[in-house]
All heavy atoms as atom14 arrays in JSON, in Angstrom:
{
  "sequence": "IHEQTLTFVPKLLVIGIILVLTGGTMLQTLQ",
  "atom14_mask": [
    [1, 1, 1, 1, 1, 1, 1, 1, 0, 0, 0, 0, 0, 0],
    [1, 1, 1, 1, 1, 1, 1, 1, 1, 1, 0, 0, 0, 0],
    [1, 1, 1, 1, 1, 1, 1, 1, 1, 0, 0, 0, 0, 0],
    [1, 1, 1, 1, 1, 1, 1, 1, 1, 0, 0, 0, 0, 0],
    [1, 1, 1, 1, 1, 1, 1, 0, 0, 0, 0, 0, 0, 0],
    [1, 1, 1, 1, 1, 1, 1, 1, 0, 0, 0, 0, 0, 0],
    [1, 1, 1, 1, 1, 1, 1, 0, 0, 0, 0, 0, 0, 0],
    [1, 1, 1, 1, 1, 1, 1, 1, 1, 1, 1, 0, 0, 0],
    [1, 1, 1, 1, 1, 1, 1, 0, 0, 0, 0, 0, 0, 0],
    [1, 1, 1, 1, 1, 1, 1, 0, 0, 0, 0, 0, 0, 0],
    [1, 1, 1, 1, 1, 1, 1, 1, 1, 0, 0, 0, 0, 0],
    [1, 1, 1, 1, 1, 1, 1, 1, 0, 0, 0, 0, 0, 0],
    [1, 1, 1, 1, 1, 1, 1, 1, 0, 0, 0, 0, 0, 0],
    [1, 1, 1, 1, 1, 1, 1, 0, 0, 0, 0, 0, 0, 0],
    [1, 1, 1, 1, 1, 1, 1, 1, 0, 0, 0, 0, 0, 0],
    [1, 1, 1, 1, 0, 0, 0, 0, 0, 0, 0, 0, 0, 0],
    [1, 1, 1, 1, 1, 1, 1, 1, 0, 0, 0, 0, 0, 0],
    [1, 1, 1, 1, 1, 1, 1, 1, 0, 0, 0, 0, 0, 0],
    [1, 1, 1, 1, 1, 1, 1, 1, 0, 0, 0, 0, 0, 0],
    [1, 1, 1, 1, 1, 1, 1, 0, 0, 0, 0, 0, 0, 0],
    [1, 1, 1, 1, 1, 1, 1, 1, 0, 0, 0, 0, 0, 0],
    [1, 1, 1, 1, 1, 1, 1, 0, 0, 0, 0, 0, 0, 0],
    [1, 1, 1, 1, 0, 0, 0, 0, 0, 0, 0, 0, 0, 0],
    [1, 1, 1, 1, 0, 0, 0, 0, 0, 0, 0, 0, 0, 0],
    [1, 1, 1, 1, 1, 1, 1, 0, 0, 0, 0, 0, 0, 0],
    [1, 1, 1, 1, 1, 1, 1, 1, 0, 0, 0, 0, 0, 0],
    [1, 1, 1, 1, 1, 1, 1, 1, 0, 0, 0, 0, 0, 0],
    [1, 1, 1, 1, 1, 1, 1, 1, 1, 0, 0, 0, 0, 0],
    [1, 1, 1, 1, 1, 1, 1, 0, 0, 0, 0, 0, 0, 0],
    [1, 1, 1, 1, 1, 1, 1, 1, 0, 0, 0, 0, 0, 0],
    [1, 1, 1, 1, 1, 1, 1, 1, 1, 0, 0, 0, 0, 0]
  ],
  "atom14_positions": [
    [[13.95, 13.87, 14.02], [14.4, 13.64, 12.57], [13.2, 13.95, 11.7], [12.2, 13.27, 11.78], [14.88, 12.2, 12.36], [16.08, 11.86, 13.25], [15.24, 11.95, 10.92], [16.47, 10.38, 13.18], [0.0, 0.0, 0.0], [0.0, 0.0, 0.0], [0.0, 0.0, 0.0], [0.0, 0.0, 0.0], [0.0, 0.0, 0.0], [0.0, 0.0, 0.0]],
    [[13.36, 14.98, 10.86], [12.25, 15.38, 10.02], [12.63, 15.23, 8.52], [12.85, 16.2, 7.83], [11.85, 16.85, 10.32], [11.34, 17.0, 11.72], [10.13, 16.5, 12.14], [11.9, 17.56, 12.8], [10.0, 16.78, 13.42], [11.1, 17.45, 13.89], [0.0, 0.0, 0.0], [0.0, 0.0, 0.0], [0.0, 0.0, 0.0], [0.0, 0.0, 0.0]],
    [[12.72, 14.02, 8.12], [13.03, 13.68, 6.69], [11.77, 13.24, 5.99], [11.04, 12.4, 6.51], [14.06, 12.55, 6.73], [14.52, 12.15, 5.37], [15.37, 13.2, 4.66], [16.05, 13.95, 5.36], [15.27, 13.29, 3.45], [0.0, 0.0, 0.0], [0.0, 0.0, 0.0], [0.0, 0.0, 0.0], [0.0, 0.0, 0.0], [0.0, 0.0, 0.0]],
    [[11.48, 13.82, 4.84], [10.25, 13.56, 4.1], [10.17, 12.09, 3.65], [9.1, 11.54, 3.62], [10.14, 14.46, 2.91], [9.9, 15.89, 3.28], [8.57, 16.12, 3.96], [7.63, 15.44, 3.65], [8.53, 16.99, 4.89], [0.0, 0.0, 0.0], [0.0, 0.0, 0.0], [0.0, 0.0, 0.0], [0.0, 0.0, 0.0], [0.0, 0.0, 0.0]],
    [[11.34, 11.49, 3.34], [11.28, 10.11, 2.84], [10.92, 9.14, 3.93], [10.45, 8.07, 3.65], [12.6, 9.73, 2.21], [13.65, 9.91, 3.13], [12.91, 10.56, 0.97], [0.0, 0.0, 0.0], [0.0, 0.0, 0.0], [0.0, 0.0, 0.0], [0.0, 0.0, 0.0], [0.0, 0.0, 0.0], [0.0, 0.0, 0.0], [0.0, 0.0, 0.0]],
    [[11.09, 9.49, 5.19], [10.74, 8.63, 6.26], [9.28, 8.42, 6.41], [8.81, 7.4, 6.92], [11.31, 9.13, 7.64], [12.8, 9.0, 7.81], [13.2, 9.64, 9.13], [13.28, 7.62, 7.67], [0.0, 0.0, 0.0], [0.0, 0.0, 0.0], [0.0, 0.0, 0.0], [0.0, 0.0, 0.0], [0.0, 0.0, 0.0], [0.0, 0.0, 0.0]],
    [[8.45, 9.32, 5.88], [7.03, 9.12, 5.9], [6.54, 8.52, 4.62], [5.58, 7.75, 4.64], [6.26, 10.5, 6.07], [6.6, 11.34, 5.05], [6.57, 11.08, 7.41], [0.0, 0.0, 0.0], [0.0, 0.0, 0.0], [0.0, 0.0, 0.0], [0.0, 0.0, 0.0], [0.0, 0.0, 0.0], [0.0, 0.0, 0.0], [0.0, 0.0, 0.0]],
    [[7.17, 8.83, 3.5], [6.68, 8.37, 2.19], [6.96, 6.92, 1.94], [6.11, 6.12, 1.55], [7.32, 9.18, 1.11], [6.94, 8.82, -0.3], [5.69, 9.06, -0.74], [7.8, 8.17, -1.08], [5.27, 8.71, -2.01], [7.42, 7.79, -2.37], [6.13, 8.06, -2.79], [0.0, 0.0, 0.0], [0.0, 0.0, 0.0], [0.0, 0.0, 0.0]],
    [[8.17, 6.45, 2.21], [8.6, 5.08, 1.86], [7.83, 4.05, 2.67], [7.35, 3.08, 2.1], [10.14, 4.9, 2.0], [10.51, 3.49, 1.83], [10.83, 5.81, 0.99], [0.0, 0.0, 0.0], [0.0, 0.0, 0.0], [0.0, 0.0, 0.0], [0.0, 0.0, 0.0], [0.0, 0.0, 0.0], [0.0, 0.0, 0.0], [0.0, 0.0, 0.0]],
    [[7.73, 4.17, 4.04], [6.95, 3.17, 4.76], [5.48, 3.11, 4.32], [4.9, 1.97, 4.19], [7.01, 3.58, 6.22], [8.28, 4.41, 6.28], [8.37, 5.08, 4.97], [0.0, 0.0, 0.0], [0.0, 0.0, 0.0], [0.0, 0.0, 0.0], [0.0, 0.0, 0.0], [0.0, 0.0, 0.0], [0.0, 0.0, 0.0], [0.0, 0.0, 0.0]],
    [[4.86, 4.24, 4.08], [3.46, 4.19, 3.57], [3.36, 3.5, 2.27], [2.47, 2.77, 2.03], [2.95, 5.65, 3.47], [2.5, 6.31, 4.69], [1.77, 7.55, 4.35], [2.13, 8.68, 5.27], [1.46, 9.92, 4.95], [0.0, 0.0, 0.0], [0.0, 0.0, 0.0], [0.0, 0.0, 0.0], [0.0, 0.0, 0.0], [0.0, 0.0, 0.0]],
    [[4.32, 3.78, 1.34], [4.35, 3.16, 0.05], [4.46, 1.65, 0.18], [3.74, 0.86, -0.5], [5.43, 3.73, -0.83], [5.5, 3.3, -2.27], [4.28, 3.73, -3.04], [6.77, 3.81, -2.89], [0.0, 0.0, 0.0], [0.0, 0.0, 0.0], [0.0, 0.0, 0.0], [0.0, 0.0, 0.0], [0.0, 0.0, 0.0], [0.0, 0.0, 0.0]],
    [[5.34, 1.17, 1.03], [5.55, -0.27, 1.23], [4.3, -0.88, 1.84], [3.91, -1.99, 1.37], [6.76, -0.48, 2.12], [8.14, -0.16, 1.5], [9.26, -0.31, 2.53], [8.39, -1.04, 0.32], [0.0, 0.0, 0.0], [0.0, 0.0, 0.0], [0.0, 0.0, 0.0], [0.0, 0.0, 0.0], [0.0, 0.0, 0.0], [0.0, 0.0, 0.0]],
    [[3.7, -0.26, 2.83], [2.53, -0.87, 3.47], [1.37, -0.96, 2.5], [0.66, -1.93, 2.43], [2.16, -0.08, 4.74], [0.78, -0.43, 5.28], [3.25, -0.3, 5.81], [0.0, 0.0, 0.0], [0.0, 0.0, 0.0], [0.0, 0.0, 0.0], [0.0, 0.0, 0.0], [0.0, 0.0, 0.0], [0.0, 0.0, 0.0], [0.0, 0.0, 0.0]],
    [[1.18, 0.1, 1.73], [0.06, 0.12, 0.78], [0.31, -0.96, -0.35], [-0.58, -1.63, -0.75], [-0.12, 1.52, 0.13], [-0.73, 2.46, 1.17], [-0.99, 1.45, -1.08], [-0.76, 3.93, 0.72], [0.0, 0.0, 0.0], [0.0, 0.0, 0.0], [0.0, 0.0, 0.0], [0.0, 0.0, 0.0], [0.0, 0.0, 0.0], [0.0, 0.0, 0.0]],
    [[1.55, -1.06, -0.75], [1.9, -2.09, -1.73], [1.61, -3.5, -1.17], [1.07, -4.32, -1.88], [0.0, 0.0, 0.0], [0.0, 0.0, 0.0], [0.0, 0.0, 0.0], [0.0, 0.0, 0.0], [0.0, 0.0, 0.0], [0.0, 0.0, 0.0], [0.0, 0.0, 0.0], [0.0, 0.0, 0.0], [0.0, 0.0, 0.0], [0.0, 0.0, 0.0]],
    [[1.97, -3.76, 0.07], [1.76, -5.07, 0.65], [0.24, -5.3, 0.81], [-0.27, -6.44, 0.49], [2.45, -5.16, 2.05], [3.96, -5.2, 1.83], [1.96, -6.38, 2.8], [4.73, -5.02, 3.12], [0.0, 0.0, 0.0], [0.0, 0.0, 0.0], [0.0, 0.0, 0.0], [0.0, 0.0, 0.0], [0.0, 0.0, 0.0], [0.0, 0.0, 0.0]],
    [[-0.51, -4.33, 1.23], [-1.95, -4.53, 1.31], [-2.61, -4.79, -0.05], [-3.46, -5.65, -0.17], [-2.62, -3.26, 1.98], [-2.16, -3.18, 3.39], [-4.11, -3.29, 1.92], [-2.47, -1.92, 4.13], [0.0, 0.0, 0.0], [0.0, 0.0, 0.0], [0.0, 0.0, 0.0], [0.0, 0.0, 0.0], [0.0, 0.0, 0.0], [0.0, 0.0, 0.0]],
    [[-2.17, -4.07, -1.08], [-2.68, -4.29, -2.41], [-2.36, -5.71, -2.87], [-3.13, -6.34, -3.59], [-2.17, -3.23, -3.36], [-2.83, -1.86, -3.22], [-2.18, -0.89, -4.19], [-4.35, -2.01, -3.5], [0.0, 0.0, 0.0], [0.0, 0.0, 0.0], [0.0, 0.0, 0.0], [0.0, 0.0, 0.0], [0.0, 0.0, 0.0], [0.0, 0.0, 0.0]],
    [[-1.15, -6.19, -2.56], [-0.78, -7.55, -3.04], [-1.65, -8.56, -2.29], [-2.12, -9.53, -2.86], [0.72, -7.8, -2.73], [1.03, -9.31, -2.81], [1.56, -6.99, -3.7], [0.0, 0.0, 0.0], [0.0, 0.0, 0.0], [0.0, 0.0, 0.0], [0.0, 0.0, 0.0], [0.0, 0.0, 0.0], [0.0, 0.0, 0.0], [0.0, 0.0, 0.0]],
    [[-1.95, -8.32, -1.01], [-2.71, -9.3, -0.21], [-4.21, -9.29, -0.53], [-4.87, -10.28, -0.55], [-2.51, -9.07, 1.27], [-1.06, -9.31, 1.78], [-0.98, -8.93, 3.28], [-0.69, -10.78, 1.59], [0.0, 0.0, 0.0], [0.0, 0.0, 0.0], [0.0, 0.0, 0.0], [0.0, 0.0, 0.0], [0.0, 0.0, 0.0], [0.0, 0.0, 0.0]],
    [[-4.73, -8.05, -0.71], [-6.19, -7.93, -0.87], [-6.63, -7.46, -2.27], [-7.81, -7.24, -2.52], [-6.78, -6.96, 0.15], [-6.22, -5.66, -0.08], [-6.51, -7.44, 1.55], [0.0, 0.0, 0.0], [0.0, 0.0, 0.0], [0.0, 0.0, 0.0], [0.0, 0.0, 0.0], [0.0, 0.0, 0.0], [0.0, 0.0, 0.0], [0.0, 0.0, 0.0]],
    [[-5.69, -7.23, -3.15], [-5.99, -6.75, -4.5], [-6.97, -7.66, -5.29], [-7.83, -7.18, -5.97], [0.0, 0.0, 0.0], [0.0, 0.0, 0.0], [0.0, 0.0, 0.0], [0.0, 0.0, 0.0], [0.0, 0.0, 0.0], [0.0, 0.0, 0.0], [0.0, 0.0, 0.0], [0.0, 0.0, 0.0], [0.0, 0.0, 0.0], [0.0, 0.0, 0.0]],
    [[-6.75, -8.92, -5.16], [-7.62, -9.92, -5.88], [-9.09, -9.83, -5.4], [-10.04, -9.86, -6.21], [0.0, 0.0, 0.0], [0.0, 0.0, 0.0], [0.0, 0.0, 0.0], [0.0, 0.0, 0.0], [0.0, 0.0, 0.0], [0.0, 0.0, 0.0], [0.0, 0.0, 0.0], [0.0, 0.0, 0.0], [0.0, 0.0, 0.0], [0.0, 0.0, 0.0]],
    [[-9.28, -9.7, -4.1], [-10.63, -9.56, -3.6], [-11.27, -8.25, -3.95], [-12.46, -8.18, -4.38], [-10.61, -9.61, -2.06], [-9.58, -10.43, -1.6], [-11.93, -10.2, -1.51], [0.0, 0.0, 0.0], [0.0, 0.0, 0.0], [0.0, 0.0, 0.0], [0.0, 0.0, 0.0], [0.0, 0.0, 0.0], [0.0, 0.0, 0.0], [0.0, 0.0, 0.0]],
    [[-10.45, -7.2, -4.0], [-10.93, -5.88, -4.41], [-11.35, -5.89, -5.85], [-12.43, -5.42, -6.28], [-9.88, -4.8, -4.21], [-9.62, -4.46, -2.78], [-8.33, -3.22, -2.71], [-8.29, -2.78, -1.02], [0.0, 0.0, 0.0], [0.0, 0.0, 0.0], [0.0, 0.0, 0.0], [0.0, 0.0, 0.0], [0.0, 0.0, 0.0], [0.0, 0.0, 0.0]],
    [[-10.54, -6.51, -6.69], [-10.82, -6.62, -8.12], [-12.12, -7.43, -8.38], [-12.92, -7.07, -9.2], [-9.63, -7.22, -8.84], [-9.8, -7.4, -10.38], [-10.01, -6.02, -11.02], [-8.65, -8.11, -10.96], [0.0, 0.0, 0.0], [0.0, 0.0, 0.0], [0.0, 0.0, 0.0], [0.0, 0.0, 0.0], [0.0, 0.0, 0.0], [0.0, 0.0, 0.0]],
    [[-12.24, -8.56, -7.63], [-13.44, -9.36, -7.81], [-14.72, -8.63, -7.4], [-15.72, -8.71, -8.09], [-13.29, -10.65, -6.97], [-14.43, -11.62, -7.2], [-14.44, -12.18, -8.62], [-13.45, -12.44, -9.23], [-15.66, -12.23, -9.17], [0.0, 0.0, 0.0], [0.0, 0.0, 0.0], [0.0, 0.0, 0.0], [0.0, 0.0, 0.0], [0.0, 0.0, 0.0]],
    [[-14.62, -7.86, -6.29], [-15.77, -7.06, -5.85], [-16.17, -6.0, -6.9], [-17.34, -5.85, -7.21], [-15.41, -6.4, -4.52], [-15.02, -7.33, -3.56], [-16.62, -5.6, -3.98], [0.0, 0.0, 0.0], [0.0, 0.0, 0.0], [0.0, 0.0, 0.0], [0.0, 0.0, 0.0], [0.0, 0.0, 0.0], [0.0, 0.0, 0.0], [0.0, 0.0, 0.0]],
    [[-15.11, -5.36, -7.41], [-15.39, -4.35, -8.49], [-15.99, -4.96, -9.73], [-16.89, -4.39, -10.37], [-14.15, -3.56, -8.76], [-14.28, -2.31, -9.62], [-15.17, -1.29, -8.96], [-12.9, -1.7, -9.82], [0.0, 0.0, 0.0], [0.0, 0.0, 0.0], [0.0, 0.0, 0.0], [0.0, 0.0, 0.0], [0.0, 0.0, 0.0], [0.0, 0.0, 0.0]],
    [[-15.43, -6.14, -10.14], [-15.94, -6.82, -11.35], [-17.38, -7.27, -11.18], [-18.2, -7.12, -12.08], [-15.08, -7.99, -11.65], [-13.74, -7.67, -12.26], [-12.89, -8.92, -12.46], [-13.12, -9.98, -11.85], [-11.89, -8.83, -13.32], [0.0, 0.0, 0.0], [0.0, 0.0, 0.0], [0.0, 0.0, 0.0], [0.0, 0.0, 0.0], [0.0, 0.0, 0.0]]
  ]
}
């Protein structure tokens, strides 16, 4: 199965979850 959305959507979801979990720490480090 070679559907483009099968690669895009899971990556987008995983990156979103990681940003929600670690975004505060990343922001604090940058600040």
